[in-house]
């Protein structure tokens, strides 16, 4: 068990270093490609992406990891699957709910009333559209953590980062 813990921690550590560097390079690349105005619009939308992902996840990925790990220890594989399925349904519902709120209420308000920049409307609405998909990734990360498949967490982060580019 200790070996599994050390191995999993090492995989996550290396993955975090790689993806921090990748995120840094992503920002430089996007700033160079987009120019100051477009980069400013993108940089304005990124915090809202994080906020809506957090709201949509509802704190469930750590709960998924906890309960899946508990059920796997006692060989209750069906309960582990049910936990993932129920949490995934809740998270997708919340993702759709908050995504719709972002697309139709928050994004227009931010773009026109708060920021006074109509060109930010579409990028903010895109945040609302990707929210349900981003919470699915979070649910699977919780499940992978619950069954001690830390390398899969790194793989999902790699796919996510490539998708951002």
C-alpha atoms as a PDB file:
ATOM      1  CA  UNK A   1       0.000   0.000   0.000  1.00  0.00           C
ATOM      2  CA  UNK A   2       2.809   2.423   0.864  1.00  0.00           C
ATOM      3  CA  UNK A   3       4.455   1.707  -2.490  1.00  0.00           C
ATOM      4  CA  UNK A   4       1.165   2.431  -4.284  1.00  0.00           C
ATOM      5  CA  UNK A   5       0.810   5.698  -2.367  1.00  0.00           C
ATOM      6  CA  UNK A   6       4.361   6.822  -3.180  1.00  0.00           C
ATOM      7  CA  UNK A   7       3.972   5.847  -6.844  1.00  0.00           C
ATOM      8  CA  UNK A   8       0.629   7.657  -7.159  1.00  0.00           C
ATOM      9  CA  UNK A   9       1.955  10.760  -5.424  1.00  0.00           C
ATOM     10  CA  UNK A  10       5.014  10.806  -7.672  1.00  0.00           C
ATOM     11  CA  UNK A  11       2.875  10.505 -10.819  1.00  0.00           C
ATOM     12  CA  UNK A  12       0.646  13.382  -9.692  1.00  0.00           C
ATOM     13  CA  UNK A  13       3.704  15.464  -8.716  1.00  0.00           C
ATOM     14  CA  UNK A  14       5.379  15.023 -12.111  1.00  0.00           C
ATOM     15  CA  UNK A  15       2.065  15.652 -13.870  1.00  0.00           C
ATOM     16  CA  UNK A  16       1.541  18.866 -11.899  1.00  0.00           C
ATOM     17  CA  UNK A  17       4.992  20.149 -12.835  1.00  0.00           C
ATOM     18  CA  UNK A  18       4.479  19.332 -16.513  1.00  0.00           C
ATOM     19  CA  UNK A  19       1.027  20.912 -16.616  1.00  0.00           C
ATOM     20  CA  UNK A  20       2.082  24.036 -14.729  1.00  0.00           C
ATOM     21  CA  UNK A  21       4.806  24.569 -17.312  1.00  0.00           C
ATOM     22  CA  UNK A  22       2.313  23.752 -20.076  1.00  0.00           C
ATOM     23  CA  UNK A  23      -0.174  26.269 -18.685  1.00  0.00           C
ATOM     24  CA  UNK A  24       2.540  28.894 -18.585  1.00  0.00           C
ATOM     25  CA  UNK A  25       3.502  28.148 -22.200  1.00  0.00           C
ATOM     26  CA  UNK A  26      -0.185  28.191 -23.183  1.00  0.00           C
ATOM     27  CA  UNK A  27      -0.543  31.719 -21.839  1.00  0.00           C
ATOM     28  CA  UNK A  28       2.546  32.925 -23.710  1.00  0.00           C
ATOM     29  CA  UNK A  29       1.444  31.217 -26.918  1.00  0.00           C
ATOM     30  CA  UNK A  30      -2.098  32.591 -26.770  1.00  0.00           C
ATOM     31  CA  UNK A  31      -0.901  36.101 -25.897  1.00  0.00           C
ATOM     32  CA  UNK A  32       1.474  36.066 -28.871  1.00  0.00           C
ATOM     33  CA  UNK A  33      -1.117  34.653 -31.274  1.00  0.00           C
ATOM     34  CA  UNK A  34      -4.082  36.763 -30.195  1.00  0.00           C
ATOM     35  CA  UNK A  35      -2.576  40.159 -29.513  1.00  0.00           C
ATOM     36  CA  UNK A  36      -3.365  42.401 -26.546  1.00  0.00           C
ATOM     37  CA  UNK A  37      -7.079  42.984 -27.149  1.00  0.00           C
ATOM     38  CA  UNK A  38      -8.054  39.391 -27.897  1.00  0.00           C
ATOM     39  CA  UNK A  39      -5.786  38.096 -25.126  1.00  0.00           C
ATOM     40  CA  UNK A  40      -7.528  40.463 -22.717  1.00  0.00           C
ATOM     41  CA  UNK A  41     -10.901  39.033 -23.725  1.00  0.00           C
ATOM     42  CA  UNK A  42      -9.646  35.467 -23.252  1.00  0.00           C
ATOM     43  CA  UNK A  43      -8.040  36.338 -19.916  1.00  0.00           C
ATOM     44  CA  UNK A  44     -11.347  37.868 -18.810  1.00  0.00           C
ATOM     45  CA  UNK A  45     -13.246  34.650 -19.531  1.00  0.00           C
ATOM     46  CA  UNK A  46     -10.845  32.192 -17.849  1.00  0.00           C
ATOM     47  CA  UNK A  47     -11.797  33.049 -14.237  1.00  0.00           C
ATOM     48  CA  UNK A  48     -15.467  32.540 -15.083  1.00  0.00           C
ATOM     49  CA  UNK A  49     -14.641  29.136 -16.501  1.00  0.00           C
ATOM     50  CA  UNK A  50     -13.079  28.177 -13.167  1.00  0.00           C
ATOM     51  CA  UNK A  51     -15.987  29.586 -11.170  1.00  0.00           C
ATOM     52  CA  UNK A  52     -18.636  27.766 -13.200  1.00  0.00           C
ATOM     53  CA  UNK A  53     -16.682  24.499 -13.185  1.00  0.00           C
ATOM     54  CA  UNK A  54     -16.414  24.712  -9.399  1.00  0.00           C
ATOM     55  CA  UNK A  55     -20.117  25.470  -8.995  1.00  0.00           C
ATOM     56  CA  UNK A  56     -21.074  22.652 -11.358  1.00  0.00           C
ATOM     57  CA  UNK A  57     -18.805  20.091  -9.705  1.00  0.00           C
ATOM     58  CA  UNK A  58     -20.506  20.777  -6.392  1.00  0.00           C
ATOM     59  CA  UNK A  59     -17.587  19.302  -4.451  1.00  0.00           C
ATOM     60  CA  UNK A  60     -18.400  15.839  -5.769  1.00  0.00           C
ATOM     61  CA  UNK A  61     -15.041  14.671  -7.257  1.00  0.00           C
ATOM     62  CA  UNK A  62     -13.404  14.253  -3.808  1.00  0.00           C
ATOM     63  CA  UNK A  63     -16.568  12.525  -2.562  1.00  0.00           C
ATOM     64  CA  UNK A  64     -16.459  10.190  -5.558  1.00  0.00           C
ATOM     65  CA  UNK A  65     -12.831   9.348  -4.761  1.00  0.00           C
ATOM     66  CA  UNK A  66     -13.638   8.688  -1.098  1.00  0.00           C
ATOM     67  CA  UNK A  67     -16.657   6.458  -1.642  1.00  0.00           C
ATOM     68  CA  UNK A  68     -15.236   4.588  -4.617  1.00  0.00           C
ATOM     69  CA  UNK A  69     -12.117   3.806  -2.571  1.00  0.00           C
ATOM     70  CA  UNK A  70     -14.239   2.625   0.369  1.00  0.00           C
ATOM     71  CA  UNK A  71     -16.401   0.388  -1.831  1.00  0.00           C
ATOM     72  CA  UNK A  72     -13.425  -1.014  -3.723  1.00  0.00           C
ATOM     73  CA  UNK A  73     -11.709  -2.029  -0.471  1.00  0.00           C
ATOM     74  CA  UNK A  74     -14.681  -4.210   0.514  1.00  0.00           C
ATOM     75  CA  UNK A  75     -15.196  -5.498  -3.064  1.00  0.00           C
ATOM     76  CA  UNK A  76     -18.491  -3.647  -3.533  1.00  0.00           C
ATOM     77  CA  UNK A  77     -17.775  -2.882  -7.178  1.00  0.00           C
ATOM     78  CA  UNK A  78     -21.456  -2.350  -8.022  1.00  0.00           C
ATOM     79  CA  UNK A  79     -21.790   0.296  -5.318  1.00  0.00           C
ATOM     80  CA  UNK A  80     -18.634   2.004  -6.588  1.00  0.00           C
ATOM     81  CA  UNK A  81     -20.121   2.108 -10.102  1.00  0.00           C
ATOM     82  CA  UNK A  82     -23.442   3.399  -8.765  1.00  0.00           C
ATOM     83  CA  UNK A  83     -21.622   6.117  -6.830  1.00  0.00           C
ATOM     84  CA  UNK A  84     -19.861   7.264  -9.985  1.00  0.00           C
ATOM     85  CA  UNK A  85     -23.086   7.098 -12.006  1.00  0.00           C
ATOM     86  CA  UNK A  86     -25.200   9.064  -9.514  1.00  0.00           C
ATOM     87  CA  UNK A  87     -22.496  11.691  -8.968  1.00  0.00           C
ATOM     88  CA  UNK A  88     -22.007  12.007 -12.723  1.00  0.00           C
ATOM     89  CA  UNK A  89     -25.739  12.571 -13.237  1.00  0.00           C
ATOM     90  CA  UNK A  90     -25.783  15.256 -10.540  1.00  0.00           C
ATOM     91  CA  UNK A  91     -22.693  16.948 -11.948  1.00  0.00           C
ATOM     92  CA  UNK A  92     -23.976  16.920 -15.532  1.00  0.00           C
ATOM     93  CA  UNK A  93     -27.312  18.346 -14.351  1.00  0.00           C
ATOM     94  CA  UNK A  94     -25.494  21.093 -12.442  1.00  0.00           C
ATOM     95  CA  UNK A  95     -23.215  21.681 -15.434  1.00  0.00           C
ATOM     96  CA  UNK A  96     -26.169  22.099 -17.776  1.00  0.00           C
ATOM     97  CA  UNK A  97     -28.007  24.264 -15.229  1.00  0.00           C
ATOM     98  CA  UNK A  98     -25.078  26.609 -14.602  1.00  0.00           C
ATOM     99  CA  UNK A  99     -24.109  26.520 -18.285  1.00  0.00           C
ATOM    100  CA  UNK A 100     -27.571  27.735 -19.302  1.00  0.00           C
ATOM    101  CA  UNK A 101     -27.406  30.440 -16.640  1.00  0.00           C
ATOM    102  CA  UNK A 102     -24.008  31.504 -17.986  1.00  0.00           C
ATOM    103  CA  UNK A 103     -25.093  31.541 -21.642  1.00  0.00           C
ATOM    104  CA  UNK A 104     -28.400  33.353 -21.233  1.00  0.00           C
ATOM    105  CA  UNK A 105     -28.086  35.456 -18.069  1.00  0.00           C
ATOM    106  CA  UNK A 106     -24.552  35.961 -16.774  1.00  0.00           C
ATOM    107  CA  UNK A 107     -22.692  36.357 -20.093  1.00  0.00           C
ATOM    108  CA  UNK A 108     -25.005  39.046 -21.528  1.00  0.00           C
ATOM    109  CA  UNK A 109     -25.031  40.904 -18.214  1.00  0.00           C
ATOM    110  CA  UNK A 110     -21.241  40.775 -17.946  1.00  0.00           C
ATOM    111  CA  UNK A 111     -20.619  41.703 -21.574  1.00  0.00           C
ATOM    112  CA  UNK A 112     -23.074  44.579 -21.886  1.00  0.00           C
ATOM    113  CA  UNK A 113     -23.751  45.936 -18.413  1.00  0.00           C
ATOM    114  CA  UNK A 114     -20.747  45.160 -16.228  1.00  0.00           C
ATOM    115  CA  UNK A 115     -17.803  45.178 -18.647  1.00  0.00           C
ATOM    116  CA  UNK A 116     -19.382  47.295 -21.353  1.00  0.00           C
ATOM    117  CA  UNK A 117     -17.562  45.192 -23.964  1.00  0.00           C
ATOM    118  CA  UNK A 118     -19.974  43.418 -26.354  1.00  0.00           C
ATOM    119  CA  UNK A 119     -17.054  41.510 -27.920  1.00  0.00           C
ATOM    120  CA  UNK A 120     -16.747  39.469 -24.708  1.00  0.00           C
ATOM    121  CA  UNK A 121     -20.238  37.981 -25.124  1.00  0.00           C
ATOM    122  CA  UNK A 122     -19.354  35.002 -27.332  1.00  0.00           C
ATOM    123  CA  UNK A 123     -16.276  33.886 -25.337  1.00  0.00           C
ATOM    124  CA  UNK A 124     -18.303  34.093 -22.115  1.00  0.00           C
ATOM    125  CA  UNK A 125     -21.117  32.082 -23.699  1.00  0.00           C
ATOM    126  CA  UNK A 126     -18.599  29.464 -24.821  1.00  0.00           C
ATOM    127  CA  UNK A 127     -17.651  29.062 -21.154  1.00  0.00           C
ATOM    128  CA  UNK A 128     -21.278  28.174 -20.478  1.00  0.00           C
ATOM    129  CA  UNK A 129     -21.303  25.650 -23.310  1.00  0.00           C
ATOM    130  CA  UNK A 130     -18.191  23.793 -22.163  1.00  0.00           C
ATOM    131  CA  UNK A 131     -19.181  23.668 -18.487  1.00  0.00           C
ATOM    132  CA  UNK A 132     -21.159  20.366 -18.679  1.00  0.00           C
ATOM    133  CA  UNK A 133     -18.250  18.666 -20.438  1.00  0.00           C
ATOM    134  CA  UNK A 134     -15.647  19.913 -17.990  1.00  0.00           C
ATOM    135  CA  UNK A 135     -17.504  18.457 -15.016  1.00  0.00           C
ATOM    136  CA  UNK A 136     -17.526  15.040 -16.675  1.00  0.00           C
ATOM    137  CA  UNK A 137     -13.730  15.141 -16.666  1.00  0.00           C
ATOM    138  CA  UNK A 138     -13.813  16.059 -12.958  1.00  0.00           C
ATOM    139  CA  UNK A 139     -16.081  13.113 -12.164  1.00  0.00           C
ATOM    140  CA  UNK A 140     -13.755  10.694 -13.896  1.00  0.00           C
ATOM    141  CA  UNK A 141     -10.751  12.151 -12.092  1.00  0.00           C
ATOM    142  CA  UNK A 142     -12.506  11.467  -8.801  1.00  0.00           C
ATOM    143  CA  UNK A 143     -13.235   7.900  -9.908  1.00  0.00           C
ATOM    144  CA  UNK A 144      -9.644   7.340 -11.032  1.00  0.00           C
ATOM    145  CA  UNK A 145      -8.371   8.665  -7.725  1.00  0.00           C
ATOM    146  CA  UNK A 146     -10.740   6.327  -5.888  1.00  0.00           C
ATOM    147  CA  UNK A 147      -9.298   3.263  -7.627  1.00  0.00           C
ATOM    148  CA  UNK A 148      -5.710   4.566  -7.323  1.00  0.00           C
ATOM    149  CA  UNK A 149      -5.231   5.064 -11.078  1.00  0.00           C
ATOM    150  CA  UNK A 150      -3.254   8.269 -10.747  1.00  0.00           C
ATOM    151  CA  UNK A 151      -1.740   7.942 -14.208  1.00  0.00           C
ATOM    152  CA  UNK A 152      -5.249   8.246 -15.686  1.00  0.00           C
ATOM    153  CA  UNK A 153      -5.654  11.569 -13.894  1.00  0.00           C
ATOM    154  CA  UNK A 154      -2.509  12.796 -15.623  1.00  0.00           C
ATOM    155  CA  UNK A 155      -3.844  11.518 -18.968  1.00  0.00           C
ATOM    156  CA  UNK A 156      -7.137  13.390 -18.525  1.00  0.00           C
ATOM    157  CA  UNK A 157      -5.233  16.564 -17.693  1.00  0.00           C
ATOM    158  CA  UNK A 158      -3.113  16.105 -20.821  1.00  0.00           C
ATOM    159  CA  UNK A 159      -6.210  15.760 -22.999  1.00  0.00           C
ATOM    160  CA  UNK A 160      -7.780  18.759 -21.284  1.00  0.00           C
ATOM    161  CA  UNK A 161      -4.699  20.904 -21.845  1.00  0.00           C
ATOM    162  CA  UNK A 162      -4.431  19.883 -25.493  1.00  0.00           C
ATOM    163  CA  UNK A 163      -8.109  20.769 -25.873  1.00  0.00           C
ATOM    164  CA  UNK A 164      -7.446  24.221 -24.464  1.00  0.00           C
ATOM    165  CA  UNK A 165      -4.837  24.898 -27.126  1.00  0.00           C
END
